[in-house]
Protein backbone atom coordinates (compact mmCIF):
# COMPACT_ATOMS: atom_id res chain seq x y z
CA UNK A 1 0.00 0.00 0.00
CA UNK A 2 1.31 3.43 -0.90
CA UNK A 3 2.24 5.25 2.36
CA UNK A 4 1.19 2.19 4.34
CA UNK A 5 3.52 3.22 7.15
CA UNK A 6 1.38 6.28 7.90
CA UNK A 7 -2.01 4.90 6.92
CA UNK A 8 -4.70 4.30 9.46
CA UNK A 9 -7.64 2.58 7.88
CA UNK A 10 -11.01 3.80 9.02
CA UNK A 11 -14.37 3.14 7.46
CA UNK A 12 -17.61 4.55 8.77
CA UNK A 13 -20.93 6.05 7.83
CA UNK A 14 -21.93 9.71 8.05
CA UNK A 15 -24.58 8.81 10.64
CA UNK A 16 -22.07 7.12 12.90
CA UNK A 17 -19.46 9.85 12.56
CA UNK A 18 -22.06 12.55 13.22
CA UNK A 19 -22.75 10.80 16.54
CA UNK A 20 -19.04 10.52 17.40
CA UNK A 21 -18.11 12.01 20.79
CA UNK A 22 -16.85 15.55 20.23
CA UNK A 23 -13.56 15.07 22.08
CA UNK A 24 -12.59 12.21 19.76
CA UNK A 25 -14.12 13.85 16.72
CA UNK A 26 -11.61 16.65 17.27
CA UNK A 27 -8.70 14.22 16.79
CA UNK A 28 -10.41 12.43 13.94
CA UNK A 29 -11.02 15.61 11.96
CA UNK A 30 -7.71 17.32 12.76
CA UNK A 31 -5.60 14.24 12.06
CA UNK A 32 -7.39 12.81 9.02
CA UNK A 33 -6.55 13.29 5.40
CA UNK A 34 -9.67 12.04 3.67
CA UNK A 35 -8.95 9.94 0.59
CA UNK A 36 -12.50 8.90 -0.24
CA UNK A 37 -15.67 10.74 0.68
CA UNK A 38 -15.58 13.75 2.99
CA UNK A 39 -16.17 14.93 6.52
CA UNK A 40 -18.17 17.96 5.35
CA UNK A 41 -21.28 16.73 7.16
CA UNK A 42 -19.53 17.01 10.54
CA UNK A 43 -19.43 20.08 12.74
CA UNK A 44 -15.73 20.90 12.54
CA UNK A 45 -15.79 24.26 14.29
CA UNK A 46 -13.76 23.10 17.25
CA UNK A 47 -13.20 25.48 20.14
CA UNK A 48 -10.38 25.49 22.68
CA UNK A 49 -12.64 23.71 25.19
CA UNK A 50 -13.19 20.83 22.72
CA UNK A 51 -9.43 20.44 22.35
CA UNK A 52 -8.85 20.65 26.11
CA UNK A 53 -11.47 17.95 26.71
CA UNK A 54 -9.74 15.80 24.10
CA UNK A 55 -6.41 16.33 25.86
CA UNK A 56 -7.88 15.53 29.27
CA UNK A 57 -9.54 12.34 28.06
CA UNK A 58 -6.26 11.19 26.52
CA UNK A 59 -4.32 12.16 29.64
CA UNK A 60 -6.76 10.28 31.86
CA UNK A 61 -6.28 7.15 29.77
CA UNK A 62 -2.49 7.47 30.03
CA UNK A 63 -2.65 8.10 33.78
CA UNK A 64 -4.98 5.15 34.31
CA UNK A 65 -2.90 2.73 32.25
CA UNK A 66 0.44 3.63 33.84
CA UNK A 67 -0.82 3.85 37.43
CA UNK A 68 -2.65 0.53 37.06
CA UNK A 69 0.53 -1.19 35.89
CA UNK A 70 2.58 0.36 38.70
CA UNK A 71 0.12 -0.97 41.27
CA UNK A 72 -0.85 -4.34 39.84
CA UNK A 73 1.58 -5.65 37.24
CA UNK A 74 4.94 -3.98 37.05
CA UNK A 75 6.20 -6.86 34.92
CA UNK A 76 4.30 -5.43 31.94
CA UNK A 77 5.12 -1.78 32.69
CA UNK A 78 7.53 -1.50 29.73
CA UNK A 79 4.80 -2.49 27.26
CA UNK A 80 2.31 -0.06 28.79
CA UNK A 81 4.78 2.83 28.84
CA UNK A 82 5.70 2.12 25.22
CA UNK A 83 2.00 2.06 24.33
CA UNK A 84 1.33 5.39 26.10
CA UNK A 85 4.00 7.40 24.30
CA UNK A 86 2.06 7.62 21.01
CA UNK A 87 -1.19 8.79 22.64
CA UNK A 88 0.85 11.41 24.52
CA UNK A 89 1.62 12.96 21.13
CA UNK A 90 -2.11 13.34 20.41
CA UNK A 91 -2.66 14.86 23.85
CA UNK A 92 0.18 17.34 23.18
CA UNK A 93 -1.36 18.38 19.87
CA UNK A 94 -4.79 18.87 21.43
CA UNK A 95 -3.22 20.97 24.19
CA UNK A 96 -1.37 23.08 21.65
CA UNK A 97 -4.64 23.71 19.82
CA UNK A 98 -6.44 24.54 23.09
CA UNK A 99 -3.73 27.02 24.06
CA UNK A 100 -2.88 28.61 20.70
CA UNK A 101 -5.42 27.58 18.08
CA UNK A 102 -2.63 25.88 16.12
CA UNK A 103 -2.57 22.12 15.47
CA UNK A 104 0.95 20.77 14.82
CA UNK A 105 0.72 18.53 11.78
CA UNK A 106 3.66 16.27 12.63
CA UNK A 107 6.01 15.18 15.41
CA UNK A 108 8.63 17.55 13.97
CA UNK A 109 6.19 20.47 14.16
CA UNK A 110 5.20 19.44 17.68
CA UNK A 111 8.83 19.24 18.73
CA UNK A 112 9.28 22.92 17.83
CA UNK A 113 6.61 24.00 20.33
CA UNK A 114 6.83 21.19 22.91
CA UNK A 115 7.88 21.72 26.49
CA UNK A 116 10.98 19.97 27.79
CA UNK A 117 8.83 17.24 29.37
CA UNK A 118 6.86 16.75 26.16
CA UNK A 119 10.06 16.41 24.13
CA UNK A 120 10.96 13.45 26.35
CA UNK A 121 7.87 11.63 25.07
CA UNK A 122 8.70 12.51 21.47
CA UNK A 123 12.24 11.22 22.01
CA UNK A 124 10.89 8.03 23.59
CA UNK A 125 8.61 7.49 20.60
CA UNK A 126 11.58 7.83 18.24
CA UNK A 127 13.84 5.63 20.41
CA UNK A 128 11.96 3.41 22.89
CA UNK A 129 15.24 2.36 24.55
CA UNK A 130 16.37 5.95 25.25
CA UNK A 131 14.86 6.06 28.76
CA UNK A 132 14.53 3.78 31.73
CA UNK A 133 10.99 2.42 32.02
CA UNK A 134 10.47 3.62 35.60
CA UNK A 135 11.72 7.11 34.73
CA UNK A 136 9.41 7.38 31.74
CA UNK A 137 6.46 5.98 33.71
CA UNK A 138 6.96 8.65 36.39
CA UNK A 139 7.20 11.38 33.76
CA UNK A 140 4.03 10.13 32.05
CA UNK A 141 2.18 10.10 35.38
CA UNK A 142 3.30 13.59 36.39
CA UNK A 143 2.61 15.08 32.97
CA UNK A 144 -0.79 13.44 32.50
CA UNK A 145 -1.78 14.58 35.99
CA UNK A 146 -0.81 18.16 35.13
CA UNK A 147 -2.97 17.99 31.99
CA UNK A 148 -5.93 16.70 33.98
CA UNK A 149 -5.61 19.59 36.45
CA UNK A 150 -5.55 22.28 33.73
CA UNK A 151 -8.36 24.79 33.75
CA UNK A 152 -10.08 26.11 30.64
């Protein structure tokens, strides 16, 4: 498949997508390059509060996954931390949109505006062995907690 390394297959109906939760619709619309059909039927006028909700939902999922592994099954912590680094990128982009109205289109664009803590997650995505698992887990917990505590 042409560009298979960046493809994310998704098939749906307009009725289903119109009912999509707004916080996830934000990511879907902002991160999708439509090849067939369109998303014109969706309300795509996203406000900062939509993006912040998207970021908080993503952060809560990261916090939950990492804290659960720390408490119940540290033997699989590496896999969970590795799995949480990619969603952290989507949280970062939603936060950037909530704070500035700009949506970084790539990891490189995000890196230019990321905080020092956020760059750690981008680095970990590029090189999963670059950080100790416990260190990265603690950083993910602290960062996701800070996102959850943000006010609109």
